[in-house]
PDB file of N, CA and C in Angstrom:
ATOM      1  N   MET A   1      17.054   4.956  17.721  1.00  0.00           N
ATOM      2  CA  MET A   1      15.745   5.321  17.232  1.00  0.00           C
ATOM      3  C   MET A   1      15.260   4.228  16.278  1.00  0.00           C
ATOM      4  N   THR A   2      14.011   3.820  16.441  1.00  0.00           N
ATOM      5  CA  THR A   2      13.412   2.796  15.605  1.00  0.00           C
ATOM      6  C   THR A   2      12.454   3.446  14.617  1.00  0.00           C
ATOM      7  N   VAL A   3      12.657   3.150  13.335  1.00  0.00           N
ATOM      8  CA  VAL A   3      11.847   3.743  12.260  1.00  0.00           C
ATOM      9  C   VAL A   3      11.072   2.642  11.549  1.00  0.00           C
ATOM     10  N   ALA A   4       9.791   2.893  11.348  1.00  0.00           N
ATOM     11  CA  ALA A   4       8.938   1.958  10.619  1.00  0.00           C
ATOM     12  C   ALA A   4       8.378   2.644   9.382  1.00  0.00           C
ATOM     13  N   ALA A   5       8.203   1.864   8.339  1.00  0.00           N
ATOM     14  CA  ALA A   5       7.542   2.353   7.120  1.00  0.00           C
ATOM     15  C   ALA A   5       6.199   1.647   7.008  1.00  0.00           C
ATOM     16  N   LEU A   6       5.152   2.429   6.873  1.00  0.00           N
ATOM     17  CA  LEU A   6       3.806   1.903   6.694  1.00  0.00           C
ATOM     18  C   LEU A   6       3.430   2.221   5.250  1.00  0.00           C
ATOM     19  N   ILE A   7       3.341   1.206   4.416  1.00  0.00           N
ATOM     20  CA  ILE A   7       3.061   1.374   2.989  1.00  0.00           C
ATOM     21  C   ILE A   7       1.600   1.010   2.747  1.00  0.00           C
ATOM     22  N   VAL A   8       0.816   1.991   2.324  1.00  0.00           N
ATOM     23  CA  VAL A   8      -0.613   1.794   2.113  1.00  0.00           C
ATOM     24  C   VAL A   8      -0.840   1.355   0.668  1.00  0.00           C
ATOM     25  N   ALA A   9      -1.429   0.158   0.504  1.00  0.00           N
ATOM     26  CA  ALA A   9      -1.654  -0.422  -0.825  1.00  0.00           C
ATOM     27  C   ALA A   9      -3.012  -1.118  -0.900  1.00  0.00           C
ATOM     28  N   ALA A  10      -3.991  -0.604  -0.155  1.00  0.00           N
ATOM     29  CA  ALA A  10      -5.288  -1.271  -0.071  1.00  0.00           C
ATOM     30  C   ALA A  10      -6.286  -0.779  -1.114  1.00  0.00           C
ATOM     31  N   GLY A  11      -5.909   0.254  -1.871  1.00  0.00           N
ATOM     32  CA  GLY A  11      -6.827   0.774  -2.880  1.00  0.00           C
ATOM     33  C   GLY A  11      -6.904  -0.130  -4.102  1.00  0.00           C
ATOM     34  N   ARG A  12      -7.860   0.125  -4.928  1.00  0.00           N
ATOM     35  CA  ARG A  12      -8.043  -0.690  -6.131  1.00  0.00           C
ATOM     36  C   ARG A  12      -7.376  -0.072  -7.349  1.00  0.00           C
ATOM     37  N   GLY A  13      -7.026   1.208  -7.341  1.00  0.00           N
ATOM     38  CA  GLY A  13      -6.254   1.815  -8.422  1.00  0.00           C
ATOM     39  C   GLY A  13      -6.881   1.713  -9.800  1.00  0.00           C
ATOM     40  N   THR A  14      -8.182   1.826  -9.891  1.00  0.00           N
ATOM     41  CA  THR A  14      -8.865   1.633 -11.176  1.00  0.00           C
ATOM     42  C   THR A  14      -8.647   2.770 -12.156  1.00  0.00           C
ATOM     43  N   ARG A  15      -8.373   3.974 -11.687  1.00  0.00           N
ATOM     44  CA  ARG A  15      -8.162   5.096 -12.613  1.00  0.00           C
ATOM     45  C   ARG A  15      -6.910   4.914 -13.467  1.00  0.00           C
ATOM     46  N   ALA A  16      -5.999   4.081 -13.035  1.00  0.00           N
ATOM     47  CA  ALA A  16      -4.767   3.845 -13.789  1.00  0.00           C
ATOM     48  C   ALA A  16      -5.010   2.989 -15.028  1.00  0.00           C
ATOM     49  N   GLY A  17      -6.174   2.337 -15.080  1.00  0.00           N
ATOM     50  CA  GLY A  17      -6.446   1.436 -16.193  1.00  0.00           C
ATOM     51  C   GLY A  17      -5.699   0.129 -15.997  1.00  0.00           C
ATOM     52  N   GLY A  18      -5.769  -0.718 -16.970  1.00  0.00           N
ATOM     53  CA  GLY A  18      -5.075  -1.998 -16.880  1.00  0.00           C
ATOM     54  C   GLY A  18      -5.962  -3.092 -16.317  1.00  0.00           C
ATOM     55  N   ALA A  19      -5.385  -4.264 -16.231  1.00  0.00           N
ATOM     56  CA  ALA A  19      -6.138  -5.449 -15.826  1.00  0.00           C
ATOM     57  C   ALA A  19      -6.371  -5.543 -14.322  1.00  0.00           C
ATOM     58  N   GLY A  20      -5.609  -4.815 -13.536  1.00  0.00           N
ATOM     59  CA  GLY A  20      -5.752  -4.911 -12.087  1.00  0.00           C
ATOM     60  C   GLY A  20      -5.320  -3.630 -11.411  1.00  0.00           C
ATOM     61  N   PRO A  21      -5.329  -3.609 -10.092  1.00  0.00           N
ATOM     62  CA  PRO A  21      -4.905  -2.428  -9.343  1.00  0.00           C
ATOM     63  C   PRO A  21      -3.483  -2.002  -9.718  1.00  0.00           C
ATOM     64  N   LYS A  22      -3.246  -0.698  -9.706  1.00  0.00           N
ATOM     65  CA  LYS A  22      -1.957  -0.179 -10.191  1.00  0.00           C
ATOM     66  C   LYS A  22      -0.754  -0.689  -9.416  1.00  0.00           C
ATOM     67  N   GLN A  23      -0.910  -1.017  -8.135  1.00  0.00           N
ATOM     68  CA  GLN A  23       0.243  -1.504  -7.373  1.00  0.00           C
ATOM     69  C   GLN A  23       0.762  -2.844  -7.882  1.00  0.00           C
ATOM     70  N   TRP A  24      -0.064  -3.587  -8.598  1.00  0.00           N
ATOM     71  CA  TRP A  24       0.331  -4.899  -9.111  1.00  0.00           C
ATOM     72  C   TRP A  24       0.749  -4.844 -10.581  1.00  0.00           C
ATOM     73  N   GLN A  25       0.663  -3.674 -11.196  1.00  0.00           N
ATOM     74  CA  GLN A  25       1.054  -3.540 -12.600  1.00  0.00           C
ATOM     75  C   GLN A  25       2.570  -3.390 -12.709  1.00  0.00           C
ATOM     76  N   VAL A  26       3.088  -3.802 -13.841  1.00  0.00           N
ATOM     77  CA  VAL A  26       4.537  -3.755 -14.071  1.00  0.00           C
ATOM     78  C   VAL A  26       4.956  -2.367 -14.518  1.00  0.00           C
ATOM     79  N   LEU A  27       6.028  -1.880 -13.911  1.00  0.00           N
ATOM     80  CA  LEU A  27       6.649  -0.605 -14.252  1.00  0.00           C
ATOM     81  C   LEU A  27       8.118  -0.910 -14.517  1.00  0.00           C
ATOM     82  N   GLY A  28       8.522  -0.863 -15.772  1.00  0.00           N
ATOM     83  CA  GLY A  28       9.893  -1.245 -16.116  1.00  0.00           C
ATOM     84  C   GLY A  28      10.070  -2.742 -15.957  1.00  0.00           C
ATOM     85  N   ASN A  29      10.916  -3.131 -15.014  1.00  0.00           N
ATOM     86  CA  ASN A  29      11.232  -4.554 -14.839  1.00  0.00           C
ATOM     87  C   ASN A  29      10.598  -5.187 -13.601  1.00  0.00           C
ATOM     88  N   ALA A  30       9.732  -4.454 -12.912  1.00  0.00           N
ATOM     89  CA  ALA A  30       9.105  -4.983 -11.697  1.00  0.00           C
ATOM     90  C   ALA A  30       7.741  -4.332 -11.486  1.00  0.00           C
ATOM     91  N   ARG A  31       6.978  -4.900 -10.571  1.00  0.00           N
ATOM     92  CA  ARG A  31       5.685  -4.314 -10.248  1.00  0.00           C
ATOM     93  C   ARG A  31       5.880  -3.011  -9.461  1.00  0.00           C
ATOM     94  N   VAL A  32       4.897  -2.143  -9.521  1.00  0.00           N
ATOM     95  CA  VAL A  32       4.942  -0.877  -8.785  1.00  0.00           C
ATOM     96  C   VAL A  32       5.212  -1.144  -7.306  1.00  0.00           C
ATOM     97  N   ILE A  33       4.526  -2.102  -6.722  1.00  0.00           N
ATOM     98  CA  ILE A  33       4.696  -2.417  -5.304  1.00  0.00           C
ATOM     99  C   ILE A  33       6.137  -2.839  -4.994  1.00  0.00           C
ATOM    100  N   ASP A  34       6.759  -3.581  -5.893  1.00  0.00           N
ATOM    101  CA  ASP A  34       8.132  -4.036  -5.687  1.00  0.00           C
ATOM    102  C   ASP A  34       9.117  -2.863  -5.687  1.00  0.00           C
ATOM    103  N   HIS A  35       8.910  -1.914  -6.599  1.00  0.00           N
ATOM    104  CA  HIS A  35       9.769  -0.719  -6.633  1.00  0.00           C
ATOM    105  C   HIS A  35       9.660   0.056  -5.322  1.00  0.00           C
ATOM    106  N   THR A  36       8.426   0.270  -4.870  1.00  0.00           N
ATOM    107  CA  THR A  36       8.215   1.048  -3.649  1.00  0.00           C
ATOM    108  C   THR A  36       8.831   0.355  -2.439  1.00  0.00           C
ATOM    109  N   LEU A  37       8.560  -0.918  -2.281  1.00  0.00           N
ATOM    110  CA  LEU A  37       9.106  -1.646  -1.134  1.00  0.00           C
ATOM    111  C   LEU A  37      10.627  -1.687  -1.158  1.00  0.00           C
ATOM    112  N   ALA A  38      11.210  -1.778  -2.345  1.00  0.00           N
ATOM    113  CA  ALA A  38      12.677  -1.843  -2.454  1.00  0.00           C
ATOM    114  C   ALA A  38      13.345  -0.596  -1.910  1.00  0.00           C
ATOM    115  N   VAL A  39      12.750   0.562  -2.149  1.00  0.00           N
ATOM    116  CA  VAL A  39      13.336   1.813  -1.650  1.00  0.00           C
ATOM    117  C   VAL A  39      13.407   1.795  -0.127  1.00  0.00           C
ATOM    118  N   PHE A  40      12.326   1.360   0.513  1.00  0.00           N
ATOM    119  CA  PHE A  40      12.303   1.346   1.980  1.00  0.00           C
ATOM    120  C   PHE A  40      13.124   0.195   2.550  1.00  0.00           C
ATOM    121  N   ALA A  41      13.084  -0.968   1.922  1.00  0.00           N
ATOM    122  CA  ALA A  41      13.832  -2.131   2.412  1.00  0.00           C
ATOM    123  C   ALA A  41      15.334  -1.908   2.330  1.00  0.00           C
ATOM    124  N   ALA A  42      15.773  -1.163   1.339  1.00  0.00           N
ATOM    125  CA  ALA A  42      17.206  -0.937   1.143  1.00  0.00           C
ATOM    126  C   ALA A  42      17.768   0.124   2.082  1.00  0.00           C
ATOM    127  N   HIS A  43      16.906   0.843   2.735  1.00  0.00           N
ATOM    128  CA  HIS A  43      17.380   1.946   3.562  1.00  0.00           C
ATOM    129  C   HIS A  43      17.699   1.462   4.972  1.00  0.00           C
ATOM    130  N   HIS A  44      18.904   1.727   5.414  1.00  0.00           N
ATOM    131  CA  HIS A  44      19.364   1.263   6.728  1.00  0.00           C
ATOM    132  C   HIS A  44      18.568   1.862   7.880  1.00  0.00           C
ATOM    133  N   ARG A  45      17.906   2.967   7.646  1.00  0.00           N
ATOM    134  CA  ARG A  45      17.168   3.653   8.711  1.00  0.00           C
ATOM    135  C   ARG A  45      15.853   2.947   9.053  1.00  0.00           C
ATOM    136  N   VAL A  46      15.292   2.207   8.128  1.00  0.00           N
ATOM    137  CA  VAL A  46      13.985   1.573   8.317  1.00  0.00           C
ATOM    138  C   VAL A  46      14.149   0.199   8.959  1.00  0.00           C
ATOM    139  N   ASN A  47      13.555   0.034  10.143  1.00  0.00           N
ATOM    140  CA  ASN A  47      13.660  -1.210  10.895  1.00  0.00           C
ATOM    141  C   ASN A  47      12.492  -2.166  10.669  1.00  0.00           C
ATOM    142  N   HIS A  48      11.325  -1.625  10.350  1.00  0.00           N
ATOM    143  CA  HIS A  48      10.113  -2.429  10.151  1.00  0.00           C
ATOM    144  C   HIS A  48       9.369  -1.904   8.932  1.00  0.00           C
ATOM    145  N   VAL A  49       8.789  -2.812   8.166  1.00  0.00           N
ATOM    146  CA  VAL A  49       7.931  -2.424   7.046  1.00  0.00           C
ATOM    147  C   VAL A  49       6.594  -3.135   7.215  1.00  0.00           C
ATOM    148  N   VAL A  50       5.521  -2.354   7.222  1.00  0.00           N
ATOM    149  CA  VAL A  50       4.167  -2.891   7.269  1.00  0.00           C
ATOM    150  C   VAL A  50       3.479  -2.501   5.973  1.00  0.00           C
ATOM    151  N   LEU A  51       2.919  -3.480   5.309  1.00  0.00           N
ATOM    152  CA  LEU A  51       2.227  -3.289   4.043  1.00  0.00           C
ATOM    153  C   LEU A  51       0.740  -3.518   4.277  1.00  0.00           C
ATOM    154  N   VAL A  52      -0.064  -2.511   3.984  1.00  0.00           N
ATOM    155  CA  VAL A  52      -1.507  -2.617   4.160  1.00  0.00           C
ATOM    156  C   VAL A  52      -2.131  -2.888   2.796  1.00  0.00           C
ATOM    157  N   LEU A  53      -2.751  -4.066   2.675  1.00  0.00           N
ATOM    158  CA  LEU A  53      -3.301  -4.519   1.400  1.00  0.00           C
ATOM    159  C   LEU A  53      -4.817  -4.646   1.441  1.00  0.00           C
ATOM    160  N   HIS A  54      -5.428  -4.630   0.275  1.00  0.00           N
ATOM    161  CA  HIS A  54      -6.843  -4.942   0.151  1.00  0.00           C
ATOM    162  C   HIS A  54      -7.026  -6.395   0.583  1.00  0.00           C
ATOM    163  N   ARG A  55      -8.140  -6.687   1.209  1.00  0.00           N
ATOM    164  CA  ARG A  55      -8.388  -8.059   1.693  1.00  0.00           C
ATOM    165  C   ARG A  55      -8.245  -9.106   0.586  1.00  0.00           C
ATOM    166  N   ASP A  56      -8.637  -8.744  -0.634  1.00  0.00           N
ATOM    167  CA  ASP A  56      -8.552  -9.689  -1.752  1.00  0.00           C
ATOM    168  C   ASP A  56      -7.124  -9.932  -2.226  1.00  0.00           C
ATOM    169  N   ASP A  57      -6.184  -9.109  -1.781  1.00  0.00           N
ATOM    170  CA  ASP A  57      -4.803  -9.199  -2.249  1.00  0.00           C
ATOM    171  C   ASP A  57      -3.831  -9.779  -1.221  1.00  0.00           C
ATOM    172  N   MET A  58      -4.321 -10.203  -0.077  1.00  0.00           N
ATOM    173  CA  MET A  58      -3.429 -10.642   1.002  1.00  0.00           C
ATOM    174  C   MET A  58      -2.506 -11.779   0.576  1.00  0.00           C
ATOM    175  N   GLU A  59      -2.972 -12.682  -0.276  1.00  0.00           N
ATOM    176  CA  GLU A  59      -2.137 -13.813  -0.695  1.00  0.00           C
ATOM    177  C   GLU A  59      -1.005 -13.370  -1.623  1.00  0.00           C
ATOM    178  N   MET A  60      -1.066 -12.141  -2.117  1.00  0.00           N
ATOM    179  CA  MET A  60      -0.035 -11.628  -3.020  1.00  0.00           C
ATOM    180  C   MET A  60       1.065 -10.864  -2.283  1.00  0.00           C
ATOM    181  N   ALA A  61       0.978 -10.799  -0.975  1.00  0.00           N
ATOM    182  CA  ALA A  61       1.953 -10.041  -0.188  1.00  0.00           C
ATOM    183  C   ALA A  61       3.361 -10.583  -0.405  1.00  0.00           C
ATOM    184  N   PRO A  62       4.301  -9.705  -0.732  1.00  0.00           N
ATOM    185  CA  PRO A  62       5.696 -10.155  -0.877  1.00  0.00           C
ATOM    186  C   PRO A  62       6.256 -10.614   0.465  1.00  0.00           C
ATOM    187  N   SER A  63       7.221 -11.496   0.428  1.00  0.00           N
ATOM    188  CA  SER A  63       7.851 -11.952   1.667  1.00  0.00           C
ATOM    189  C   SER A  63       8.738 -10.845   2.232  1.00  0.00           C
ATOM    190  N   GLY A  64       8.997 -10.904   3.500  1.00  0.00           N
ATOM    191  CA  GLY A  64       9.893  -9.957   4.139  1.00  0.00           C
ATOM    192  C   GLY A  64       9.220  -8.739   4.726  1.00  0.00           C
ATOM    193  N   VAL A  65       7.910  -8.639   4.578  1.00  0.00           N
ATOM    194  CA  VAL A  65       7.180  -7.517   5.167  1.00  0.00           C
ATOM    195  C   VAL A  65       6.002  -8.076   5.969  1.00  0.00           C
ATOM    196  N   THR A  66       5.544  -7.298   6.913  1.00  0.00           N
ATOM    197  CA  THR A  66       4.332  -7.636   7.632  1.00  0.00           C
ATOM    198  C   THR A  66       3.164  -7.097   6.820  1.00  0.00           C
ATOM    199  N   ALA A  67       2.262  -7.961   6.416  1.00  0.00           N
ATOM    200  CA  ALA A  67       1.106  -7.540   5.624  1.00  0.00           C
ATOM    201  C   ALA A  67      -0.161  -7.650   6.469  1.00  0.00           C
ATOM    202  N   VAL A  68      -0.980  -6.602   6.416  1.00  0.00           N
ATOM    203  CA  VAL A  68      -2.251  -6.590   7.138  1.00  0.00           C
ATOM    204  C   VAL A  68      -3.334  -6.103   6.186  1.00  0.00           C
ATOM    205  N   PRO A  69      -4.580  -6.561   6.403  1.00  0.00           N
ATOM    206  CA  PRO A  69      -5.670  -6.089   5.550  1.00  0.00           C
ATOM    207  C   PRO A  69      -6.058  -4.660   5.897  1.00  0.00           C
ATOM    208  N   GLY A  70      -6.376  -3.903   4.867  1.00  0.00           N
ATOM    209  CA  GLY A  70      -6.787  -2.523   5.051  1.00  0.00           C
ATOM    210  C   GLY A  70      -8.264  -2.392   5.329  1.00  0.00           C
ATOM    211  N   GLY A  71      -8.695  -1.157   5.459  1.00  0.00           N
ATOM    212  CA  GLY A  71     -10.092  -0.866   5.742  1.00  0.00           C
ATOM    213  C   GLY A  71     -10.798  -0.292   4.542  1.00  0.00           C
ATOM    214  N   ALA A  72     -11.994   0.216   4.766  1.00  0.00           N
ATOM    215  CA  ALA A  72     -12.827   0.755   3.695  1.00  0.00           C
ATOM    216  C   ALA A  72     -12.352   2.128   3.225  1.00  0.00           C
ATOM    217  N   THR A  73     -11.558   2.812   4.034  1.00  0.00           N
ATOM    218  CA  THR A  73     -11.035   4.134   3.681  1.00  0.00           C
ATOM    219  C   THR A  73      -9.531   4.156   3.908  1.00  0.00           C
ATOM    220  N   ARG A  74      -8.883   5.179   3.361  1.00  0.00           N
ATOM    221  CA  ARG A  74      -7.438   5.315   3.581  1.00  0.00           C
ATOM    222  C   ARG A  74      -7.145   5.459   5.074  1.00  0.00           C
ATOM    223  N   ALA A  75      -7.953   6.250   5.757  1.00  0.00           N
ATOM    224  CA  ALA A  75      -7.750   6.446   7.192  1.00  0.00           C
ATOM    225  C   ALA A  75      -7.849   5.117   7.944  1.00  0.00           C
ATOM    226  N   ALA A  76      -8.821   4.293   7.585  1.00  0.00           N
ATOM    227  CA  ALA A  76      -8.967   2.995   8.245  1.00  0.00           C
ATOM    228  C   ALA A  76      -7.787   2.090   7.924  1.00  0.00           C
ATOM    229  N   SER A  77      -7.267   2.189   6.714  1.00  0.00           N
ATOM    230  CA  SER A  77      -6.098   1.385   6.338  1.00  0.00           C
ATOM    231  C   SER A  77      -4.861   1.821   7.107  1.00  0.00           C
ATOM    232  N   VAL A  78      -4.670   3.121   7.246  1.00  0.00           N
ATOM    233  CA  VAL A  78      -3.534   3.622   8.023  1.00  0.00           C
ATOM    234  C   VAL A  78      -3.666   3.172   9.474  1.00  0.00           C
ATOM    235  N   GLN A  79      -4.866   3.239  10.017  1.00  0.00           N
ATOM    236  CA  GLN A  79      -5.095   2.801  11.393  1.00  0.00           C
ATOM    237  C   GLN A  79      -4.746   1.321  11.558  1.00  0.00           C
ATOM    238  N   ALA A  80      -5.114   0.485  10.566  1.00  0.00           N
ATOM    239  CA  ALA A  80      -4.775  -0.940  10.623  1.00  0.00           C
ATOM    240  C   ALA A  80      -3.262  -1.139  10.604  1.00  0.00           C
ATOM    241  N   GLY A  81      -2.570  -0.349   9.788  1.00  0.00           N
ATOM    242  CA  GLY A  81      -1.116  -0.441   9.743  1.00  0.00           C
ATOM    243  C   GLY A  81      -0.464  -0.005  11.036  1.00  0.00           C
ATOM    244  N   LEU A  82      -0.974   1.058  11.627  1.00  0.00           N
ATOM    245  CA  LEU A  82      -0.436   1.527  12.906  1.00  0.00           C
ATOM    246  C   LEU A  82      -0.664   0.478  14.004  1.00  0.00           C
ATOM    247  N   ALA A  83      -1.821  -0.159  13.980  1.00  0.00           N
ATOM    248  CA  ALA A  83      -2.103  -1.210  14.966  1.00  0.00           C
ATOM    249  C   ALA A  83      -1.110  -2.360  14.820  1.00  0.00           C
ATOM    250  N   ALA A  84      -0.722  -2.673  13.591  1.00  0.00           N
ATOM    251  CA  ALA A  84       0.247  -3.754  13.353  1.00  0.00           C
ATOM    252  C   ALA A  84       1.627  -3.400  13.890  1.00  0.00           C
ATOM    253  N   LEU A  85       1.897  -2.115  14.036  1.00  0.00           N
ATOM    254  CA  LEU A  85       3.195  -1.672  14.557  1.00  0.00           C
ATOM    255  C   LEU A  85       3.227  -1.632  16.080  1.00  0.00           C
ATOM    256  N   ASP A  86       2.094  -1.823  16.709  1.00  0.00           N
ATOM    257  CA  ASP A  86       2.035  -1.813  18.166  1.00  0.00           C
ATOM    258  C   ASP A  86       2.994  -2.868  18.725  1.00  0.00           C
ATOM    259  N   GLY A  87       3.799  -2.465  19.644  1.00  0.00           N
ATOM    260  CA  GLY A  87       4.744  -3.392  20.254  1.00  0.00           C
ATOM    261  C   GLY A  87       6.102  -3.460  19.570  1.00  0.00           C
ATOM    262  N   THR A  88       6.263  -2.782  18.440  1.00  0.00           N
ATOM    263  CA  THR A  88       7.549  -2.811  17.736  1.00  0.00           C
ATOM    264  C   THR A  88       8.524  -1.788  18.287  1.00  0.00           C
ATOM    265  N   GLY A  89       8.030  -0.840  19.079  1.00  0.00           N
ATOM    266  CA  GLY A  89       8.891   0.202  19.618  1.00  0.00           C
ATOM    267  C   GLY A  89       9.230   1.285  18.616  1.00  0.00           C
ATOM    268  N   ALA A  90       8.463   1.386  17.552  1.00  0.00           N
ATOM    269  CA  ALA A  90       8.738   2.403  16.527  1.00  0.00           C
ATOM    270  C   ALA A  90       8.601   3.804  17.112  1.00  0.00           C
ATOM    271  N   ASP A  91       9.655   4.589  16.963  1.00  0.00           N
ATOM    272  CA  ASP A  91       9.649   5.983  17.408  1.00  0.00           C
ATOM    273  C   ASP A  91       9.122   6.899  16.308  1.00  0.00           C
ATOM    274  N   ILE A  92       9.394   6.504  15.066  1.00  0.00           N
ATOM    275  CA  ILE A  92       8.981   7.284  13.891  1.00  0.00           C
ATOM    276  C   ILE A  92       8.296   6.334  12.929  1.00  0.00           C
ATOM    277  N   VAL A  93       7.161   6.774  12.385  1.00  0.00           N
ATOM    278  CA  VAL A  93       6.456   5.985  11.378  1.00  0.00           C
ATOM    279  C   VAL A  93       6.355   6.826  10.105  1.00  0.00           C
ATOM    280  N   LEU A  94       6.921   6.298   9.032  1.00  0.00           N
ATOM    281  CA  LEU A  94       6.832   6.935   7.728  1.00  0.00           C
ATOM    282  C   LEU A  94       5.647   6.310   7.003  1.00  0.00           C
ATOM    283  N   ILE A  95       4.661   7.121   6.616  1.00  0.00           N
ATOM    284  CA  ILE A  95       3.481   6.613   5.923  1.00  0.00           C
ATOM    285  C   ILE A  95       3.605   6.996   4.462  1.00  0.00           C
ATOM    286  N   HIS A  96       3.544   5.985   3.586  1.00  0.00           N
ATOM    287  CA  HIS A  96       3.775   6.218   2.162  1.00  0.00           C
ATOM    288  C   HIS A  96       2.759   5.445   1.326  1.00  0.00           C
ATOM    289  N   ASP A  97       2.356   6.034   0.214  1.00  0.00           N
ATOM    290  CA  ASP A  97       1.421   5.403  -0.715  1.00  0.00           C
ATOM    291  C   ASP A  97       2.206   4.530  -1.680  1.00  0.00           C
ATOM    292  N   VAL A  98       1.813   3.275  -1.816  1.00  0.00           N
ATOM    293  CA  VAL A  98       2.507   2.324  -2.683  1.00  0.00           C
ATOM    294  C   VAL A  98       2.598   2.809  -4.126  1.00  0.00           C
ATOM    295  N   ALA A  99       1.635   3.616  -4.556  1.00  0.00           N
ATOM    296  CA  ALA A  99       1.588   4.070  -5.943  1.00  0.00           C
ATOM    297  C   ALA A  99       2.584   5.185  -6.240  1.00  0.00           C
ATOM    298  N   ARG A 100       3.460   5.493  -5.303  1.00  0.00           N
ATOM    299  CA  ARG A 100       4.527   6.490  -5.491  1.00  0.00           C
ATOM    300  C   ARG A 100       5.869   5.777  -5.402  1.00  0.00           C
ATOM    301  N   PRO A 101       6.222   4.990  -6.440  1.00  0.00           N
ATOM    302  CA  PRO A 101       7.412   4.143  -6.351  1.00  0.00           C
ATOM    303  C   PRO A 101       8.742   4.871  -6.501  1.00  0.00           C
ATOM    304  N   CYS A 102       8.715   6.101  -6.914  1.00  0.00           N
ATOM    305  CA  CYS A 102       9.975   6.813  -7.168  1.00  0.00           C
ATOM    306  C   CYS A 102      10.341   7.748  -6.020  1.00  0.00           C
ATOM    307  N   VAL A 103      10.005   7.356  -4.805  1.00  0.00           N
ATOM    308  CA  VAL A 103      10.345   8.178  -3.642  1.00  0.00           C
ATOM    309  C   VAL A 103      11.865   8.263  -3.508  1.00  0.00           C
ATOM    310  N   PRO A 104      12.388   9.487  -3.465  1.00  0.00           N
ATOM    311  CA  PRO A 104      13.848   9.615  -3.315  1.00  0.00           C
ATOM    312  C   PRO A 104      14.295   9.206  -1.912  1.00  0.00           C
ATOM    313  N   PRO A 105      15.440   8.570  -1.793  1.00  0.00           N
ATOM    314  CA  PRO A 105      15.940   8.191  -0.456  1.00  0.00           C
ATOM    315  C   PRO A 105      16.028   9.373   0.507  1.00  0.00           C
ATOM    316  N   ALA A 106      16.229  10.581   0.006  1.00  0.00           N
ATOM    317  CA  ALA A 106      16.308  11.757   0.868  1.00  0.00           C
ATOM    318  C   ALA A 106      15.006  11.991   1.635  1.00  0.00           C
ATOM    319  N   VAL A 107      13.894  11.578   1.077  1.00  0.00           N
ATOM    320  CA  VAL A 107      12.611  11.718   1.773  1.00  0.00           C
ATOM    321  C   VAL A 107      12.599  10.827   3.006  1.00  0.00           C
ATOM    322  N   ILE A 108      13.222   9.677   2.914  1.00  0.00           N
ATOM    323  CA  ILE A 108      13.273   8.748   4.049  1.00  0.00           C
ATOM    324  C   ILE A 108      14.200   9.248   5.136  1.00  0.00           C
ATOM    325  N   THR A 109      15.279   9.894   4.772  1.00  0.00           N
ATOM    326  CA  THR A 109      16.249  10.355   5.760  1.00  0.00           C
ATOM    327  C   THR A 109      15.928  11.719   6.337  1.00  0.00           C
ATOM    328  N   ALA A 110      15.019  12.468   5.717  1.00  0.00           N
ATOM    329  CA  ALA A 110      14.687  13.821   6.215  1.00  0.00           C
ATOM    330  C   ALA A 110      14.090  13.730   7.613  1.00  0.00           C
ATOM    331  N   GLU A 111      14.407  14.723   8.420  1.00  0.00           N
ATOM    332  CA  GLU A 111      13.851  14.749   9.785  1.00  0.00           C
ATOM    333  C   GLU A 111      12.996  15.953   9.988  1.00  0.00           C
TER     334      GLU A 111
END
């Protein structure tokens, strides 16, 4: 079984305050986006990671993931991420919001 994680990070996160979108702000010793990606990257079950970013943030995409530009809405961003997974053979797609960095590994393994 092939599992893909689609991490939606195309929002601007202005309600969080700060100098920029919340996914790029530091939480502890790393950015929010780094914490979230680490949970999925470390899990043996996840074969592909697609990160959907705001068009203005594409140059900030971390290495090791497929990054695609998002749309004007969350639904459009998810659709862009799903399109990027076309041809990967993913049987299961886990869709997660980048701003939820404390996802327990059990959420990834649940069926």
